[in-house]
Amino acid sequence: MKRAIAVILVACAGAIMVSCGLDKPDSADGRSVLVLQTVDTSGIYAGEWRGVPGAQVEITGALTAYKNIFTADENGKIVLDGLPTGDYYIQASMRDEEHDVLLTGQTKKMLQSQTEVKDTLFMSFVPLSPIVINELYYCGCNGSSFYFYDQYVELYNSTSDTLYLDGYVVCRSQQSDGIFDIEGADFALGYYVYQFPGMRGVTHQCPIGPHEYLVCATDAINHHNYGALCVNLLGADWEFFNPIQNDYDNLSVPNILPISTMGKDFTLTLTHTGVFLATGEDITFVDYTTSSGVSPFAQVPLGTIVDAVEYGSSPSIRRYMTLRIDAGIGGNGMTSYSGQSIERKVPGFDSNNSSFDFVILGSPTPGYSH
């Protein structure tokens, strides 16, 4: 397990107006100037609203691969010159060391063919979620052709208390394929549904300690033996295991067992899907007719979902999950079999937008922070 570091700043802090990430798209039309003023509305400074010097402002194209991070000046302002016409998600974050808080704010802005656009980005506290999905490793490694058995889901307890996962479920979502309206339904669709032992609120078999991380492995073995980029998961805390299939079982690692009939082991697609953690209550199984035939899927009530992460290689791909549990898509630009993972910028911080909350790591970090 890994311990949370005391302070984690959003990436690329330090140089004012120095960007990092993907290059801007080369477009001659519709260049705009965006003047953005960050404002702290939390009242921690004697009740005053004020600019946020040094705030990290991330600009992400809603339908393009554009992504850059800028640092606000001493007045909390940034001036972005030459942004192409289009829709942009904007998030500002700042860790206040004196008051030990994380300030953040988000907005969506459409830039048209205008000389200058001014806007204010209001920032305030966002509470840390008690248990979140902190890291997902899904893209596969270089063990051999099509080797992806070293996948894992990492959970994090952001509180100072020991919490219990008894009865909780980890689910891989399923694209609706037109069979229902994901934005109109009060549930998320589960394809694989694996459950921790015990009963929520009754037993205490599955603790997750204060500021600790749990690694839930597809197969808890040393995959590094199969390739230099593959991950050693012998130290995993939990292992997804399907006893009615030909599935590997590390007897020294406790099991998370399936309650769904779909699939074999708990595996994730290499390019796009959704993963969510729920309390395990009021799940129903319903037969849906898809292009592959009639299949039973789990309807997991949205009110029981603790955290959800949708990932994909492109921001414009068709959604797997409702915007109400994840408004963005993480992992934009991830390459299959690259041995990379996605991880939260700040452990426990969940804005319900994976486009903002996650960054791509050059290599996975199961069980420790960096």
Protein backbone atom coordinates (compact mmCIF):
# COMPACT_ATOMS: atom_id res chain seq x y z
CA MET A 1 0.00 0.00 0.00
CA LYS A 2 1.15 3.51 -0.51
CA ARG A 3 0.90 6.58 1.64
CA ALA A 4 -0.48 9.86 0.44
CA ILE A 5 2.06 12.61 0.14
CA ALA A 6 1.26 15.73 2.11
CA VAL A 7 1.18 18.11 -0.81
CA ILE A 8 0.65 17.37 -4.48
CA LEU A 9 0.54 20.30 -6.86
CA VAL A 10 -1.14 20.17 -10.23
CA ALA A 11 1.34 19.45 -13.03
CA CYS A 12 3.63 22.01 -14.61
CA ALA A 13 3.76 24.51 -11.71
CA GLY A 14 6.49 27.08 -11.62
CA ALA A 15 6.89 29.02 -14.82
CA ILE A 16 4.33 31.71 -15.54
CA MET A 17 2.56 31.23 -18.83
CA VAL A 18 4.65 28.23 -19.80
CA SER A 19 2.49 25.50 -21.28
CA CYS A 20 2.88 21.76 -21.26
CA GLY A 21 1.11 18.96 -23.06
CA LEU A 22 0.00 18.58 -26.64
CA ASP A 23 0.71 21.26 -29.20
CA LYS A 24 -2.01 23.60 -30.37
CA PRO A 25 -3.82 22.57 -33.54
CA ASP A 26 -2.47 24.43 -36.54
CA SER A 27 -5.44 26.43 -37.75
CA ALA A 28 -5.34 29.77 -39.52
CA ASP A 29 -8.97 30.68 -38.88
CA GLY A 30 -10.76 31.95 -35.82
CA ARG A 31 -7.83 32.93 -33.60
CA SER A 32 -8.96 34.49 -30.31
CA VAL A 33 -7.51 36.06 -27.20
CA LEU A 34 -8.89 34.73 -23.89
CA VAL A 35 -8.35 36.88 -20.79
CA LEU A 36 -9.23 34.80 -17.75
CA GLN A 37 -9.38 36.11 -14.18
CA THR A 38 -9.34 33.51 -11.39
CA VAL A 39 -11.20 34.51 -8.22
CA ASP A 40 -11.17 32.75 -4.84
CA THR A 41 -14.71 32.87 -3.41
CA SER A 42 -14.03 30.66 -0.38
CA GLY A 43 -13.62 33.57 2.03
CA ILE A 44 -10.51 32.18 3.69
CA TYR A 45 -8.80 35.56 3.28
CA ALA A 46 -10.79 37.59 5.84
CA GLY A 47 -13.96 36.98 3.87
CA GLU A 48 -12.64 38.74 0.78
CA TRP A 49 -12.88 37.60 -2.80
CA ARG A 50 -9.49 37.91 -4.48
CA GLY A 51 -7.40 36.71 -7.38
CA VAL A 52 -5.47 33.45 -7.04
CA PRO A 53 -1.76 34.03 -7.84
CA GLY A 54 -0.04 30.96 -9.22
CA ALA A 55 -3.27 29.08 -9.94
CA GLN A 56 -2.75 26.26 -12.44
CA VAL A 57 -5.23 26.74 -15.30
CA GLU A 58 -5.78 23.76 -17.57
CA ILE A 59 -7.34 24.31 -21.00
CA THR A 60 -8.67 21.22 -22.79
CA GLY A 61 -10.39 21.07 -26.16
CA ALA A 62 -13.86 19.58 -25.89
CA LEU A 63 -13.60 17.94 -29.32
CA THR A 64 -9.88 18.19 -30.09
CA ALA A 65 -6.62 16.89 -28.66
CA TYR A 66 -5.59 20.37 -27.52
CA LYS A 67 -4.44 20.43 -23.88
CA ASN A 68 -2.22 22.95 -22.11
CA ILE A 69 -1.58 24.11 -18.55
CA PHE A 70 -0.81 27.74 -17.71
CA THR A 71 0.14 29.55 -14.51
CA ALA A 72 -1.77 32.66 -13.43
CA ASP A 73 0.21 35.83 -12.71
CA GLU A 74 0.50 37.68 -9.38
CA ASN A 75 -3.06 38.98 -9.81
CA GLY A 76 -4.54 35.59 -10.67
CA LYS A 77 -4.90 36.41 -14.38
CA ILE A 78 -3.83 34.66 -17.56
CA VAL A 79 -3.92 35.94 -21.15
CA LEU A 80 -4.05 33.27 -23.85
CA ASP A 81 -3.34 34.57 -27.34
CA GLY A 82 -4.11 32.63 -30.52
CA LEU A 83 -6.58 29.98 -29.38
CA PRO A 84 -8.45 28.50 -32.38
CA THR A 85 -12.23 28.72 -32.58
CA GLY A 86 -13.90 25.92 -30.62
CA ASP A 87 -15.26 24.65 -27.30
CA TYR A 88 -12.89 24.40 -24.33
CA TYR A 89 -13.09 22.97 -20.84
CA ILE A 90 -11.24 25.16 -18.34
CA GLN A 91 -10.21 24.16 -14.82
CA ALA A 92 -8.21 26.13 -12.27
CA SER A 93 -6.59 24.48 -9.24
CA MET A 94 -4.48 25.78 -6.38
CA ARG A 95 -3.23 24.18 -3.19
CA ASP A 96 -3.18 26.75 -0.38
CA GLU A 97 -0.39 25.66 1.97
CA GLU A 98 -1.20 28.15 4.74
CA HIS A 99 -4.82 27.03 5.09
CA ASP A 100 -4.24 23.45 3.85
CA VAL A 101 -7.08 23.53 1.32
CA LEU A 102 -7.49 22.79 -2.36
CA LEU A 103 -9.24 25.49 -4.37
CA THR A 104 -10.70 24.66 -7.75
CA GLY A 105 -13.17 25.89 -10.33
CA GLN A 106 -14.40 24.83 -13.74
CA THR A 107 -16.16 26.32 -16.73
CA LYS A 108 -16.81 25.58 -20.40
CA LYS A 109 -16.14 28.32 -22.92
CA MET A 110 -16.89 28.62 -26.64
CA LEU A 111 -14.40 30.81 -28.49
CA GLN A 112 -15.58 32.28 -31.75
CA SER A 113 -13.96 34.66 -34.19
CA GLN A 114 -13.53 37.51 -31.73
CA THR A 115 -10.53 39.68 -31.01
CA GLU A 116 -10.71 39.27 -27.23
CA VAL A 117 -12.88 37.33 -24.81
CA LYS A 118 -12.89 38.08 -21.07
CA ASP A 119 -14.23 35.76 -18.39
CA THR A 120 -14.02 35.11 -14.66
CA LEU A 121 -13.35 31.66 -13.23
CA PHE A 122 -14.71 31.40 -9.69
CA MET A 123 -12.82 29.03 -7.38
CA SER A 124 -13.75 27.50 -4.05
CA PHE A 125 -13.27 24.41 -1.90
CA VAL A 126 -14.07 20.98 -3.30
CA PRO A 127 -14.34 18.33 -0.58
CA LEU A 128 -12.27 15.18 -0.96
CA SER A 129 -14.27 12.05 -1.78
CA PRO A 130 -13.90 9.37 0.92
CA ILE A 131 -13.05 6.51 -1.48
CA VAL A 132 -12.06 7.03 -5.10
CA ILE A 133 -10.55 5.16 -8.01
CA ASN A 134 -7.05 6.62 -7.88
CA GLU A 135 -5.29 4.82 -10.73
CA LEU A 136 -6.32 2.67 -13.69
CA TYR A 137 -3.88 0.57 -15.67
CA TYR A 138 -5.59 -0.90 -18.70
CA CYS A 139 -3.64 -0.31 -21.93
CA GLY A 140 -1.46 -3.43 -21.87
CA CYS A 141 2.31 -3.90 -21.94
CA ASN A 142 4.94 -5.44 -24.22
CA GLY A 143 4.86 -8.95 -22.78
CA SER A 144 3.79 -10.45 -26.08
CA SER A 145 1.22 -9.77 -28.74
CA PHE A 146 -2.04 -8.73 -27.09
CA TYR A 147 -0.76 -9.06 -23.49
CA PHE A 148 -2.93 -7.12 -21.05
CA TYR A 149 -3.29 -9.45 -18.06
CA ASP A 150 -1.37 -7.09 -15.75
CA GLN A 151 -4.31 -4.68 -15.49
CA TYR A 152 -5.40 -3.31 -12.13
CA VAL A 153 -7.76 -0.86 -10.42
CA GLU A 154 -6.34 1.12 -7.50
CA LEU A 155 -8.60 2.54 -4.77
CA TYR A 156 -7.73 5.30 -2.28
CA ASN A 157 -9.14 6.29 1.13
CA SER A 158 -8.80 10.09 1.46
CA THR A 159 -10.08 10.21 5.06
CA SER A 160 -8.37 9.87 8.43
CA ASP A 161 -10.58 6.90 9.34
CA THR A 162 -10.51 3.23 8.48
CA LEU A 163 -13.35 2.52 6.03
CA TYR A 164 -14.74 -0.82 4.90
CA LEU A 165 -15.48 -2.11 1.40
CA ASP A 166 -17.61 -5.05 2.52
CA GLY A 167 -20.28 -5.71 -0.12
CA TYR A 168 -18.99 -3.00 -2.49
CA VAL A 169 -18.83 -3.79 -6.19
CA VAL A 170 -16.30 -2.88 -8.88
CA CYS A 171 -17.96 -2.71 -12.28
CA ARG A 172 -16.85 -2.41 -15.86
CA SER A 173 -19.45 -0.45 -17.74
CA GLN A 174 -20.98 -1.29 -21.08
CA GLN A 175 -21.81 0.96 -23.99
CA SER A 176 -25.56 1.25 -24.25
CA ASP A 177 -25.44 0.44 -27.98
CA GLY A 178 -28.70 2.33 -28.36
CA ILE A 179 -30.59 -0.01 -26.04
CA PHE A 180 -31.37 2.75 -23.51
CA ASP A 181 -30.83 6.45 -22.90
CA ILE A 182 -27.84 6.78 -20.55
CA GLU A 183 -28.70 10.40 -19.67
CA GLY A 184 -32.34 9.60 -18.95
CA ALA A 185 -31.82 6.48 -16.84
CA ASP A 186 -31.32 6.46 -13.07
CA PHE A 187 -28.79 3.63 -13.26
CA ALA A 188 -25.45 2.75 -14.85
CA LEU A 189 -25.07 -0.43 -16.87
CA GLY A 190 -22.60 -2.98 -15.50
CA TYR A 191 -21.01 -5.57 -17.80
CA TYR A 192 -18.60 -7.20 -15.37
CA VAL A 193 -19.67 -6.87 -11.72
CA TYR A 194 -17.27 -8.14 -9.03
CA GLN A 195 -18.08 -7.90 -5.31
CA PHE A 196 -15.94 -7.62 -2.18
CA PRO A 197 -16.76 -10.21 0.56
CA GLY A 198 -19.12 -9.42 3.41
CA MET A 199 -22.15 -7.19 3.82
CA ARG A 200 -22.06 -3.41 3.87
CA GLY A 201 -22.62 -1.98 7.37
CA VAL A 202 -22.68 -5.43 8.97
CA THR A 203 -19.29 -7.12 8.52
CA HIS A 204 -15.78 -5.64 8.61
CA GLN A 205 -13.73 -7.98 6.43
CA CYS A 206 -12.41 -5.49 3.86
CA PRO A 207 -10.73 -2.50 5.54
CA ILE A 208 -9.01 0.33 3.73
CA GLY A 209 -6.91 2.36 6.16
CA PRO A 210 -6.55 6.14 6.43
CA HIS A 211 -4.82 7.60 3.36
CA GLU A 212 -4.06 4.13 2.07
CA TYR A 213 -4.34 2.55 -1.34
CA LEU A 214 -5.65 -0.86 -2.37
CA VAL A 215 -4.52 -2.53 -5.59
CA CYS A 216 -7.13 -4.81 -7.17
CA ALA A 217 -5.34 -6.94 -9.79
CA THR A 218 -6.76 -8.88 -12.69
CA ASP A 219 -4.10 -11.52 -11.95
CA ALA A 220 -1.84 -11.12 -8.89
CA ILE A 221 1.39 -12.43 -10.39
CA ASN A 222 4.73 -10.95 -11.44
CA HIS A 223 3.89 -9.98 -15.02
CA HIS A 224 7.32 -8.38 -15.36
CA ASN A 225 8.53 -11.88 -16.20
CA TYR A 226 6.66 -11.56 -19.51
CA GLY A 227 8.02 -8.19 -20.61
CA ALA A 228 10.02 -5.19 -19.46
CA LEU A 229 6.98 -2.88 -19.34
CA CYS A 230 4.70 -5.38 -17.61
CA VAL A 231 3.79 -4.86 -13.95
CA ASN A 232 4.72 -6.94 -10.90
CA LEU A 233 1.41 -7.49 -9.08
CA LEU A 234 2.52 -10.06 -6.51
CA GLY A 235 1.96 -7.38 -3.87
CA ALA A 236 -1.65 -6.70 -4.87
CA ASP A 237 -4.16 -6.38 -2.03
CA TRP A 238 -7.04 -8.05 -3.91
CA GLU A 239 -7.42 -10.23 -6.98
CA PHE A 240 -10.40 -10.47 -9.31
CA PHE A 241 -11.16 -14.18 -9.59
CA ASN A 242 -13.84 -16.08 -11.48
CA PRO A 243 -14.09 -19.59 -9.96
CA ILE A 244 -16.26 -21.02 -12.75
CA GLN A 245 -13.85 -20.09 -15.52
CA ASN A 246 -10.28 -21.06 -16.29
CA ASP A 247 -8.91 -18.21 -14.21
CA TYR A 248 -5.62 -17.93 -12.33
CA ASP A 249 -5.91 -17.66 -8.53
CA ASN A 250 -3.09 -16.51 -6.27
CA LEU A 251 -4.08 -18.25 -3.05
CA SER A 252 -2.18 -15.71 -0.91
CA VAL A 253 -4.28 -12.79 -2.18
CA PRO A 254 -7.98 -12.46 -1.19
CA ASN A 255 -10.55 -12.63 -3.97
CA ILE A 256 -13.13 -10.25 -5.39
CA LEU A 257 -15.75 -12.55 -6.91
CA PRO A 258 -18.22 -12.03 -9.78
CA ILE A 259 -21.95 -11.68 -9.27
CA SER A 260 -22.57 -11.21 -13.00
CA THR A 261 -22.54 -13.98 -15.60
CA MET A 262 -20.82 -11.94 -18.29
CA GLY A 263 -17.23 -12.59 -19.32
CA LYS A 264 -14.46 -14.48 -17.60
CA ASP A 265 -11.90 -12.55 -15.58
CA PHE A 266 -12.29 -8.85 -14.76
CA THR A 267 -10.54 -7.27 -17.73
CA LEU A 268 -10.74 -3.79 -19.20
CA THR A 269 -10.75 -2.81 -22.85
CA LEU A 270 -7.49 -1.27 -24.02
CA THR A 271 -8.96 1.89 -25.55
CA HIS A 272 -12.33 2.85 -24.04
CA THR A 273 -14.73 1.88 -21.28
CA GLY A 274 -16.01 3.00 -17.89
CA VAL A 275 -15.13 1.67 -14.43
CA PHE A 276 -17.15 2.45 -11.31
CA LEU A 277 -17.25 1.59 -7.62
CA ALA A 278 -20.64 1.22 -5.93
CA THR A 279 -21.95 0.17 -2.52
CA GLY A 280 -23.56 -2.96 -3.98
CA GLU A 281 -27.14 -2.19 -2.96
CA ASP A 282 -30.29 -2.64 -5.07
CA ILE A 283 -28.55 -4.11 -8.12
CA THR A 284 -30.87 -5.79 -10.60
CA PHE A 285 -30.05 -7.89 -13.67
CA VAL A 286 -32.01 -7.27 -16.85
CA ASP A 287 -31.77 -8.95 -20.26
CA TYR A 288 -30.87 -6.57 -23.08
CA THR A 289 -30.86 -7.34 -26.76
CA THR A 290 -27.66 -6.11 -28.39
CA SER A 291 -25.94 -6.70 -31.70
CA SER A 292 -24.41 -9.81 -30.10
CA GLY A 293 -27.74 -11.21 -28.93
CA VAL A 294 -29.60 -11.27 -25.60
CA SER A 295 -27.35 -10.69 -22.58
CA PRO A 296 -27.97 -10.01 -18.87
CA PHE A 297 -26.57 -6.70 -17.64
CA ALA A 298 -26.54 -5.20 -14.16
CA GLN A 299 -28.51 -2.03 -13.50
CA VAL A 300 -26.61 -0.22 -10.73
CA PRO A 301 -28.53 2.75 -9.21
CA LEU A 302 -26.68 6.02 -9.68
CA GLY A 303 -27.26 6.90 -6.02
CA THR A 304 -25.13 3.92 -4.93
CA ILE A 305 -22.13 4.78 -7.13
CA VAL A 306 -19.21 6.06 -5.06
CA ASP A 307 -16.89 6.94 -7.94
CA ALA A 308 -16.78 6.48 -11.71
CA VAL A 309 -14.06 6.93 -14.31
CA GLU A 310 -14.54 6.81 -18.06
CA TYR A 311 -11.41 6.62 -20.18
CA GLY A 312 -10.77 6.73 -23.89
CA SER A 313 -8.14 7.52 -26.49
CA SER A 314 -10.22 10.36 -27.97
CA PRO A 315 -12.44 13.02 -26.33
CA SER A 316 -15.11 12.71 -29.05
CA ILE A 317 -15.86 8.98 -28.75
CA ARG A 318 -19.31 7.71 -27.86
CA ARG A 319 -19.98 7.71 -24.12
CA TYR A 320 -20.29 4.62 -21.94
CA MET A 321 -21.58 6.37 -18.82
CA THR A 322 -23.81 9.31 -17.98
CA LEU A 323 -22.28 12.75 -17.53
CA ARG A 324 -23.82 12.76 -14.06
CA ILE A 325 -21.17 10.38 -12.72
CA ASP A 326 -18.28 11.43 -14.98
CA ALA A 327 -18.49 14.54 -17.14
CA GLY A 328 -15.20 13.89 -18.96
CA ILE A 329 -12.98 11.19 -20.41
CA GLY A 330 -9.51 10.44 -19.07
CA GLY A 331 -6.56 8.94 -20.91
CA ASN A 332 -6.87 11.07 -24.04
CA GLY A 333 -4.04 10.06 -26.37
CA MET A 334 -3.13 6.81 -24.56
CA THR A 335 -1.51 4.22 -26.83
CA SER A 336 -2.30 0.51 -26.50
CA TYR A 337 0.52 -1.73 -25.21
CA SER A 338 2.51 1.33 -24.09
CA GLY A 339 2.67 0.28 -20.42
CA GLN A 340 1.16 3.60 -19.29
CA SER A 341 -1.59 4.26 -16.73
CA ILE A 342 -3.84 7.13 -15.69
CA GLU A 343 -3.76 8.53 -12.13
CA ARG A 344 -5.47 11.34 -10.24
CA LYS A 345 -3.49 14.57 -10.06
CA VAL A 346 -4.43 14.92 -6.39
CA PRO A 347 -5.41 11.78 -4.41
CA GLY A 348 -9.02 12.01 -3.26
CA PHE A 349 -9.84 15.07 -5.37
CA ASP A 350 -12.78 14.21 -7.61
CA SER A 351 -14.45 16.91 -9.68
CA ASN A 352 -16.50 14.26 -11.55
CA ASN A 353 -14.58 15.11 -14.72
CA SER A 354 -11.85 12.62 -15.60
CA SER A 355 -10.55 14.93 -18.34
CA PHE A 356 -9.36 17.24 -15.56
CA ASP A 357 -8.78 14.85 -12.68
CA PHE A 358 -6.41 12.36 -14.33
CA VAL A 359 -3.00 12.51 -15.98
CA ILE A 360 -1.17 9.88 -18.02
CA LEU A 361 1.81 8.31 -16.24
CA GLY A 362 4.81 7.01 -18.16
CA SER A 363 4.64 3.81 -16.13
CA PRO A 364 2.14 2.40 -13.60
CA THR A 365 2.64 2.93 -9.86
CA PRO A 366 0.70 0.19 -8.04
CA GLY A 367 1.04 0.52 -4.29
CA TYR A 368 3.04 3.70 -3.94
CA SER A 369 2.84 7.41 -4.72
CA HIS A 370 5.41 9.59 -6.39
